[in-house]
Amino acid sequence: MKRNHKFEKTYFEASNSKYKAYKDMKLMKAVYFPKSVLDEGISPNCRMLDVGCAFGYFLKLCEDYGVETYGLDISEYAIERAKAITKAKLYLHDVNDGLKIFQKNFFDLITAFDVIEHLKNPANFLRESSRVLKLGGKLILTTPNFNAIARAWKQDKWYGCTDYSHIYLFTPSSLKFLVKEVGLGLIREETPFHAFPKFIQKIVNKIGLGGQIWLVCQKQVD
């Protein structure tokens, strides 16, 4: 198994880490869980996979709701932390190697929060996600938005640029193109900026300049 020590303790715990959201249950409860599970009509007893599950807080919310949970991460440190938080089936795995540890048509939902920008072959990850999704199953992707209004004034200090583990940066158009190229259907697109008040978020989202891309895709053909 390949190991990437960029994603060990200092990556998550350093004072300048951008990954405080992995430990922010308020954010998970207010944004990630309802938008990914409740808003998408995922019912209890469905089977879901969180790719890049980090410490497992999102998985914990899903399992409390009654979803059968699976999580994987490249970080041994993150997986060890997650074992104390979630009862999900956890895998130490590099998704650059695909998802062959799972059988075809296995999951109802896959989430990949801020993962795809780190991958050597994003298209292969999307194909593998489609393979392991059931027909009608959903894939939810988030990634930094290269069109973000914040990048215009922060430039090379923008968070999408300062994380040197990022390999690709996407615009909404480029990510939608990739999703459609691998045969996934696009259900919903947003560009939220969670730091803003909700009324400002709505404006920024409408013009596609929020700091994050949020895509909901669906497997429509087996």
Protein backbone atom coordinates (compact mmCIF):
# COMPACT_ATOMS: atom_id res chain seq x y z
CA MET A 1 0.00 0.00 0.00
CA LYS A 2 1.23 3.46 -0.84
CA ARG A 3 1.59 5.88 2.06
CA ASN A 4 1.67 9.65 1.76
CA HIS A 5 3.13 11.27 4.86
CA LYS A 6 1.92 14.69 3.74
CA PHE A 7 -1.42 13.65 5.19
CA GLU A 8 -0.31 12.71 8.67
CA LYS A 9 -0.62 14.57 12.00
CA THR A 10 0.91 17.91 11.01
CA TYR A 11 -1.37 18.14 7.96
CA PHE A 12 -4.47 18.07 10.19
CA GLU A 13 -3.22 19.56 13.45
CA ALA A 14 -0.79 22.35 12.48
CA SER A 15 -1.78 25.85 13.61
CA ASN A 16 -2.14 26.94 9.98
CA SER A 17 -4.09 23.85 8.90
CA LYS A 18 -7.06 24.56 6.65
CA TYR A 19 -8.81 21.42 7.86
CA LYS A 20 -10.48 22.62 11.05
CA ALA A 21 -13.77 21.57 9.43
CA TYR A 22 -12.80 17.95 10.11
CA LYS A 23 -13.26 18.67 13.82
CA ASP A 24 -16.08 21.21 13.59
CA MET A 25 -19.24 19.33 14.55
CA LYS A 26 -21.28 22.53 14.36
CA LEU A 27 -20.37 22.89 10.68
CA MET A 28 -20.96 19.19 10.04
CA LYS A 29 -24.41 19.33 11.63
CA ALA A 30 -25.40 22.62 10.01
CA VAL A 31 -24.04 22.08 6.48
CA TYR A 32 -22.43 18.81 5.43
CA PHE A 33 -24.83 16.31 6.97
CA PRO A 34 -28.13 17.89 5.95
CA LYS A 35 -26.92 18.90 2.48
CA SER A 36 -25.48 15.45 1.75
CA VAL A 37 -27.95 13.13 3.45
CA LEU A 38 -31.26 14.79 4.34
CA ASP A 39 -31.49 17.16 1.37
CA GLU A 40 -30.61 14.33 -1.03
CA GLY A 41 -33.25 11.98 0.35
CA ILE A 42 -30.82 9.39 1.69
CA SER A 43 -32.80 7.10 3.97
CA PRO A 44 -31.71 5.05 6.97
CA ASN A 45 -30.33 1.61 6.03
CA CYS A 46 -28.73 3.00 2.88
CA ARG A 47 -25.04 2.22 2.39
CA MET A 48 -22.60 5.12 2.04
CA LEU A 49 -18.87 5.70 1.64
CA ASP A 50 -17.00 8.82 2.75
CA VAL A 51 -13.77 9.13 0.75
CA GLY A 52 -11.15 11.10 2.66
CA CYS A 53 -13.12 10.56 5.86
CA ALA A 54 -10.47 12.16 8.09
CA PHE A 55 -11.48 11.85 11.76
CA GLY A 56 -14.92 10.39 11.01
CA TYR A 57 -17.18 13.12 12.37
CA PHE A 58 -19.36 13.16 9.27
CA LEU A 59 -19.57 9.36 9.37
CA LYS A 60 -20.67 9.57 13.00
CA LEU A 61 -23.62 11.80 12.07
CA CYS A 62 -24.58 9.44 9.25
CA GLU A 63 -24.45 6.32 11.44
CA ASP A 64 -26.52 8.06 14.15
CA TYR A 65 -29.11 8.65 11.42
CA GLY A 66 -29.11 4.92 10.63
CA VAL A 67 -26.98 4.77 7.48
CA GLU A 68 -24.58 1.83 7.00
CA THR A 69 -21.25 3.64 6.92
CA TYR A 70 -17.87 3.05 5.29
CA GLY A 71 -14.89 5.39 5.31
CA LEU A 72 -11.46 5.47 3.76
CA ASP A 73 -8.48 7.76 4.04
CA ILE A 74 -4.85 7.80 2.94
CA SER A 75 -3.80 9.00 6.40
CA GLU A 76 -2.98 6.40 9.05
CA TYR A 77 -3.20 9.14 11.68
CA ALA A 78 -6.72 10.12 10.54
CA ILE A 79 -7.95 6.53 10.46
CA GLU A 80 -6.67 5.90 13.99
CA ARG A 81 -8.47 9.03 15.19
CA ALA A 82 -11.65 7.98 13.37
CA LYS A 83 -11.73 4.59 15.11
CA ALA A 84 -12.48 6.37 18.39
CA ILE A 85 -15.30 8.44 16.89
CA THR A 86 -17.22 6.29 14.42
CA LYS A 87 -18.30 2.66 14.17
CA ALA A 88 -18.00 2.81 10.37
CA LYS A 89 -15.99 0.19 8.50
CA LEU A 90 -12.71 2.04 7.95
CA TYR A 91 -10.02 1.45 5.34
CA LEU A 92 -6.50 2.84 5.11
CA HIS A 93 -6.36 3.20 1.35
CA ASP A 94 -4.97 5.44 -1.39
CA VAL A 95 -7.87 6.24 -3.71
CA ASN A 96 -5.33 6.91 -6.47
CA ASP A 97 -5.24 3.10 -6.64
CA GLY A 98 -8.97 3.03 -7.38
CA LEU A 99 -11.84 1.57 -5.36
CA LYS A 100 -11.29 -2.09 -6.19
CA ILE A 101 -11.63 -2.97 -2.51
CA PHE A 102 -15.39 -2.56 -3.11
CA GLN A 103 -17.63 -4.53 -5.44
CA LYS A 104 -19.73 -3.12 -8.24
CA ASN A 105 -23.11 -1.53 -7.43
CA PHE A 106 -22.43 -1.47 -3.68
CA PHE A 107 -23.15 2.06 -2.40
CA ASP A 108 -26.20 4.33 -2.41
CA LEU A 109 -24.09 7.41 -1.66
CA ILE A 110 -20.43 8.41 -1.95
CA THR A 111 -19.14 11.67 -0.50
CA ALA A 112 -15.73 13.14 -1.29
CA PHE A 113 -15.26 16.44 0.51
CA ASP A 114 -12.16 18.30 -0.73
CA VAL A 115 -10.56 15.17 -2.15
CA ILE A 116 -10.59 15.35 -5.94
CA GLU A 117 -8.08 18.22 -6.09
CA HIS A 118 -5.48 15.95 -4.46
CA LEU A 119 -5.79 13.08 -6.95
CA LYS A 120 -3.39 12.20 -9.75
CA ASN A 121 -6.23 10.99 -12.00
CA PRO A 122 -9.56 12.60 -11.06
CA ALA A 123 -11.34 11.01 -14.04
CA ASN A 124 -10.39 7.52 -12.87
CA PHE A 125 -11.75 8.29 -9.41
CA LEU A 126 -15.05 9.38 -10.95
CA ARG A 127 -15.23 6.21 -13.06
CA GLU A 128 -14.48 4.04 -10.04
CA SER A 129 -17.11 5.88 -8.01
CA SER A 130 -19.65 5.22 -10.75
CA ARG A 131 -18.70 1.55 -10.79
CA VAL A 132 -19.30 1.02 -7.08
CA LEU A 133 -22.48 3.12 -6.96
CA LYS A 134 -25.86 1.48 -7.39
CA LEU A 135 -28.00 2.63 -10.29
CA GLY A 136 -29.49 5.92 -9.11
CA GLY A 137 -26.83 6.27 -6.43
CA LYS A 138 -25.32 9.69 -5.80
CA LEU A 139 -21.80 11.06 -5.65
CA ILE A 140 -21.29 14.36 -3.82
CA LEU A 141 -18.10 16.27 -4.56
CA THR A 142 -16.68 19.41 -3.01
CA THR A 143 -13.48 21.15 -4.07
CA PRO A 144 -12.00 24.68 -4.04
CA ASN A 145 -13.53 26.92 -6.69
CA PHE A 146 -10.82 28.41 -8.92
CA ASN A 147 -13.37 31.07 -9.91
CA ALA A 148 -13.81 32.12 -6.27
CA ILE A 149 -14.08 35.83 -5.66
CA ALA A 150 -11.60 35.41 -2.80
CA ARG A 151 -8.90 34.27 -5.23
CA ALA A 152 -9.16 37.61 -7.05
CA TRP A 153 -7.87 39.56 -4.05
CA LYS A 154 -5.79 36.91 -2.27
CA GLN A 155 -4.20 35.57 -5.48
CA ASP A 156 -1.37 33.15 -4.62
CA LYS A 157 -2.31 33.37 -0.92
CA TRP A 158 -5.75 31.92 -1.63
CA TYR A 159 -6.20 28.62 0.23
CA GLY A 160 -6.56 26.63 -2.97
CA CYS A 161 -3.05 27.71 -3.96
CA THR A 162 -1.31 27.53 -0.59
CA ASP A 163 -1.99 23.82 -0.06
CA TYR A 164 0.82 22.23 -2.06
CA SER A 165 -0.83 18.82 -1.97
CA HIS A 166 -3.40 20.17 -4.45
CA ILE A 167 -2.67 18.77 -7.91
CA TYR A 168 -5.71 20.11 -9.82
CA LEU A 169 -7.88 23.16 -9.26
CA PHE A 170 -11.30 23.23 -10.89
CA THR A 171 -13.83 25.77 -12.03
CA PRO A 172 -17.50 24.74 -11.94
CA SER A 173 -17.41 24.33 -15.73
CA SER A 174 -14.28 22.18 -15.81
CA LEU A 175 -15.52 19.87 -13.05
CA LYS A 176 -18.95 19.52 -14.67
CA PHE A 177 -17.25 18.67 -17.98
CA LEU A 178 -15.22 15.92 -16.31
CA VAL A 179 -18.26 14.48 -14.54
CA LYS A 180 -20.23 14.32 -17.78
CA GLU A 181 -17.27 12.82 -19.68
CA VAL A 182 -17.24 9.78 -17.40
CA GLY A 183 -21.00 9.30 -17.83
CA LEU A 184 -22.37 10.60 -14.55
CA GLY A 185 -25.47 12.76 -14.53
CA LEU A 186 -25.38 16.16 -12.86
CA ILE A 187 -28.21 16.87 -10.40
CA ARG A 188 -27.13 19.99 -8.56
CA GLU A 189 -24.36 22.58 -8.62
CA GLU A 190 -23.59 25.22 -6.01
CA THR A 191 -20.64 27.44 -5.13
CA PRO A 192 -21.14 28.10 -1.41
CA PHE A 193 -18.96 30.24 0.81
CA HIS A 194 -19.78 29.03 4.31
CA ALA A 195 -17.96 31.91 6.05
CA PHE A 196 -20.47 34.46 4.71
CA PRO A 197 -23.92 35.17 6.20
CA LYS A 198 -26.64 33.22 4.38
CA PHE A 199 -28.07 36.18 2.45
CA ILE A 200 -24.59 36.97 1.04
CA GLN A 201 -24.01 33.28 0.33
CA LYS A 202 -27.10 33.24 -1.88
CA ILE A 203 -25.80 36.11 -4.00
CA VAL A 204 -22.26 34.70 -4.31
CA ASN A 205 -23.63 31.24 -5.06
CA LYS A 206 -25.94 32.56 -7.77
CA ILE A 207 -23.06 34.12 -9.70
CA GLY A 208 -20.75 31.12 -9.18
CA LEU A 209 -18.05 32.92 -7.18
CA GLY A 210 -18.21 31.10 -3.82
CA GLY A 211 -15.09 29.53 -2.41
CA GLN A 212 -16.20 25.94 -2.84
CA ILE A 213 -17.75 23.92 -5.65
CA TRP A 214 -20.50 21.56 -4.48
CA LEU A 215 -21.68 19.05 -7.09
CA VAL A 216 -24.25 16.29 -6.74
CA CYS A 217 -23.91 13.61 -9.42
CA GLN A 218 -25.95 10.49 -10.08
CA LYS A 219 -25.29 7.13 -11.69
CA GLN A 220 -27.89 6.92 -14.43
CA VAL A 221 -26.55 4.09 -16.60
CA ASP A 222 -24.95 0.84 -15.47
